[in-house]
Amino acid sequence: MSFDLKIENGNLKIENGDLQKVVDSEKLIQDILKVSLTDAGSNPLHPWYGSFISKSIIGSSQDLDLLVTIGKNQLITALDNLKRLQQLQVKSNQVVSADEQIATILNIYVTRSVYDPRQIDVEISTLTKGLKPITTAFQVSTI
């Protein structure tokens, strides 16, 4: 089983002097958030990692339906890259649990916030290879 360090509010989580870890579906949720919120191209060693969602729809004055379509497509590309990365980990004999892997994307909702038009609300629902449905939500904004 692989693990990642637990991040809360952008910081590593420490309890009783120990770095906390995430595994299984909690790790998958964190992986989805990281790949979705990392600007594509920002990691020079892995320029394919991340998404263009914030660059392609935030601050755009285009039609909302078009922005939703663009946002969904950007996230689908990022999640497909994450799935390929997971497959490479398995092929390299890294132990990756079924609940850490995306089997399929169930839904991606991208909407403009009703409270602040500068903010885009995103909800991603996937099914793990362990057949566990997971949902995570986040906001992207110019603020």
Protein backbone atom coordinates (compact mmCIF):
# COMPACT_ATOMS: atom_id res chain seq x y z
CA MET A 1 0.00 0.00 0.00
CA SER A 2 1.39 3.40 -0.90
CA PHE A 3 0.94 6.49 1.18
CA ASP A 4 1.34 10.22 1.02
CA LEU A 5 1.84 12.83 3.68
CA LYS A 6 -1.37 14.34 5.01
CA ILE A 7 -1.93 17.97 4.06
CA GLU A 8 -4.39 20.22 5.88
CA ASN A 9 -4.84 23.87 4.93
CA GLY A 10 -1.73 23.68 2.78
CA ASN A 11 0.47 22.39 5.61
CA LEU A 12 1.83 18.99 6.57
CA LYS A 13 -0.20 17.55 9.44
CA ILE A 14 1.78 16.63 12.54
CA GLU A 15 0.29 14.83 15.56
CA ASN A 16 2.31 13.92 18.64
CA GLY A 17 5.50 14.81 16.78
CA ASP A 18 4.77 12.41 13.88
CA LEU A 19 3.99 13.32 10.28
CA GLN A 20 0.51 12.01 9.47
CA LYS A 21 -0.05 9.92 6.35
CA VAL A 22 -3.00 9.25 4.07
CA VAL A 23 -3.78 5.89 2.48
CA ASP A 24 -6.51 4.24 0.40
CA SER A 25 -9.44 6.45 -0.64
CA GLU A 26 -8.20 9.35 1.51
CA LYS A 27 -4.97 9.26 -0.52
CA LEU A 28 -6.93 9.18 -3.78
CA ILE A 29 -8.92 12.24 -2.72
CA GLN A 30 -5.70 14.08 -1.93
CA ASP A 31 -4.18 12.97 -5.26
CA ILE A 32 -7.25 14.25 -7.14
CA LEU A 33 -7.03 17.59 -5.36
CA LYS A 34 -3.30 17.90 -6.04
CA VAL A 35 -3.54 17.12 -9.76
CA SER A 36 -6.60 19.36 -10.19
CA LEU A 37 -5.19 22.37 -8.32
CA THR A 38 -1.60 22.21 -9.60
CA ASP A 39 -1.13 24.46 -12.63
CA ALA A 40 -0.11 22.29 -15.58
CA GLY A 41 3.47 23.01 -16.54
CA SER A 42 4.42 24.36 -13.11
CA ASN A 43 6.60 21.32 -12.35
CA PRO A 44 9.55 21.47 -14.75
CA LEU A 45 10.34 17.77 -14.24
CA HIS A 46 6.75 16.73 -15.01
CA PRO A 47 5.21 19.43 -17.23
CA TRP A 48 2.24 17.16 -18.05
CA TYR A 49 1.19 17.03 -14.38
CA GLY A 50 -1.66 19.28 -13.25
CA SER A 51 -4.53 21.03 -14.96
CA PHE A 52 -5.19 24.22 -16.87
CA ILE A 53 -8.56 24.84 -15.19
CA SER A 54 -7.57 28.03 -13.40
CA LYS A 55 -5.79 29.46 -16.45
CA SER A 56 -8.51 28.54 -18.92
CA ILE A 57 -11.69 29.62 -17.15
CA ILE A 58 -10.94 32.00 -14.29
CA GLY A 59 -11.50 35.59 -15.35
CA SER A 60 -12.93 34.59 -18.71
CA SER A 61 -15.99 36.47 -19.92
CA GLN A 62 -17.11 33.67 -22.21
CA ASP A 63 -20.50 31.99 -22.03
CA LEU A 64 -20.96 29.94 -18.84
CA ASP A 65 -21.84 26.75 -20.74
CA LEU A 66 -18.60 27.04 -22.71
CA LEU A 67 -16.60 27.64 -19.52
CA VAL A 68 -18.18 24.58 -17.90
CA THR A 69 -17.27 22.44 -20.91
CA ILE A 70 -13.70 23.75 -20.95
CA GLY A 71 -13.34 23.20 -17.20
CA LYS A 72 -14.66 19.63 -17.38
CA ASN A 73 -12.35 18.79 -20.28
CA GLN A 74 -9.34 20.21 -18.44
CA LEU A 75 -10.16 18.12 -15.36
CA ILE A 76 -10.79 14.97 -17.38
CA THR A 77 -7.34 15.35 -18.94
CA ALA A 78 -5.73 15.85 -15.51
CA LEU A 79 -7.55 12.82 -14.05
CA ASP A 80 -6.63 10.67 -17.05
CA ASN A 81 -2.98 11.63 -16.45
CA LEU A 82 -3.40 10.63 -12.80
CA LYS A 83 -4.85 7.26 -13.87
CA ARG A 84 -1.86 6.67 -16.16
CA LEU A 85 0.49 7.55 -13.30
CA GLN A 86 -1.31 5.05 -11.06
CA GLN A 87 -0.98 2.35 -13.74
CA LEU A 88 2.76 3.04 -14.02
CA GLN A 89 3.10 2.70 -10.24
CA VAL A 90 1.37 -0.70 -10.36
CA LYS A 91 3.51 -1.85 -13.32
CA SER A 92 6.67 -0.87 -11.43
CA ASN A 93 5.55 -3.22 -8.60
CA GLN A 94 4.67 -0.44 -6.20
CA VAL A 95 1.90 -1.67 -3.94
CA VAL A 96 -1.09 0.56 -4.69
CA SER A 97 -4.38 -0.43 -3.09
CA ALA A 98 -7.55 -0.69 -5.15
CA ASP A 99 -9.05 2.24 -3.23
CA GLU A 100 -6.10 4.45 -4.26
CA GLN A 101 -6.82 3.97 -7.96
CA ILE A 102 -9.44 5.55 -10.18
CA ALA A 103 -11.56 2.98 -11.99
CA THR A 104 -13.81 5.55 -13.65
CA ILE A 105 -14.88 9.15 -13.44
CA LEU A 106 -18.56 9.26 -12.49
CA ASN A 107 -19.26 13.00 -12.71
CA ILE A 108 -17.53 16.34 -12.83
CA TYR A 109 -19.58 19.39 -11.91
CA VAL A 110 -18.19 22.82 -12.72
CA THR A 111 -20.35 25.82 -11.80
CA ARG A 112 -19.90 29.50 -11.13
CA SER A 113 -20.43 30.34 -7.48
CA VAL A 114 -23.78 31.94 -6.74
CA TYR A 115 -22.05 34.03 -4.06
CA ASP A 116 -19.02 35.27 -5.98
CA PRO A 117 -18.81 35.28 -9.81
CA ARG A 118 -14.98 35.22 -9.58
CA GLN A 119 -15.14 31.75 -8.03
CA ILE A 120 -15.71 28.41 -9.76
CA ASP A 121 -17.04 25.52 -7.68
CA VAL A 122 -15.92 22.03 -8.69
CA GLU A 123 -17.12 18.62 -7.55
CA ILE A 124 -15.50 15.42 -8.80
CA SER A 125 -17.02 11.97 -8.26
CA THR A 126 -15.08 8.82 -9.10
CA LEU A 127 -15.28 5.12 -8.49
CA THR A 128 -12.19 3.42 -7.10
CA LYS A 129 -10.96 0.08 -8.37
CA GLY A 130 -12.11 -1.22 -4.97
CA LEU A 131 -15.63 -0.15 -6.12
CA LYS A 132 -15.85 2.61 -3.55
CA PRO A 133 -17.47 5.84 -4.76
CA ILE A 134 -15.65 8.98 -3.64
CA THR A 135 -16.47 12.65 -4.06
CA THR A 136 -14.29 15.67 -3.49
CA ALA A 137 -15.04 19.35 -3.96
CA PHE A 138 -12.97 22.50 -4.19
CA GLN A 139 -13.09 26.06 -5.44
CA VAL A 140 -10.91 27.88 -7.93
CA SER A 141 -10.91 31.66 -7.94
CA THR A 142 -9.05 34.81 -8.91
CA ILE A 143 -9.11 35.97 -5.28
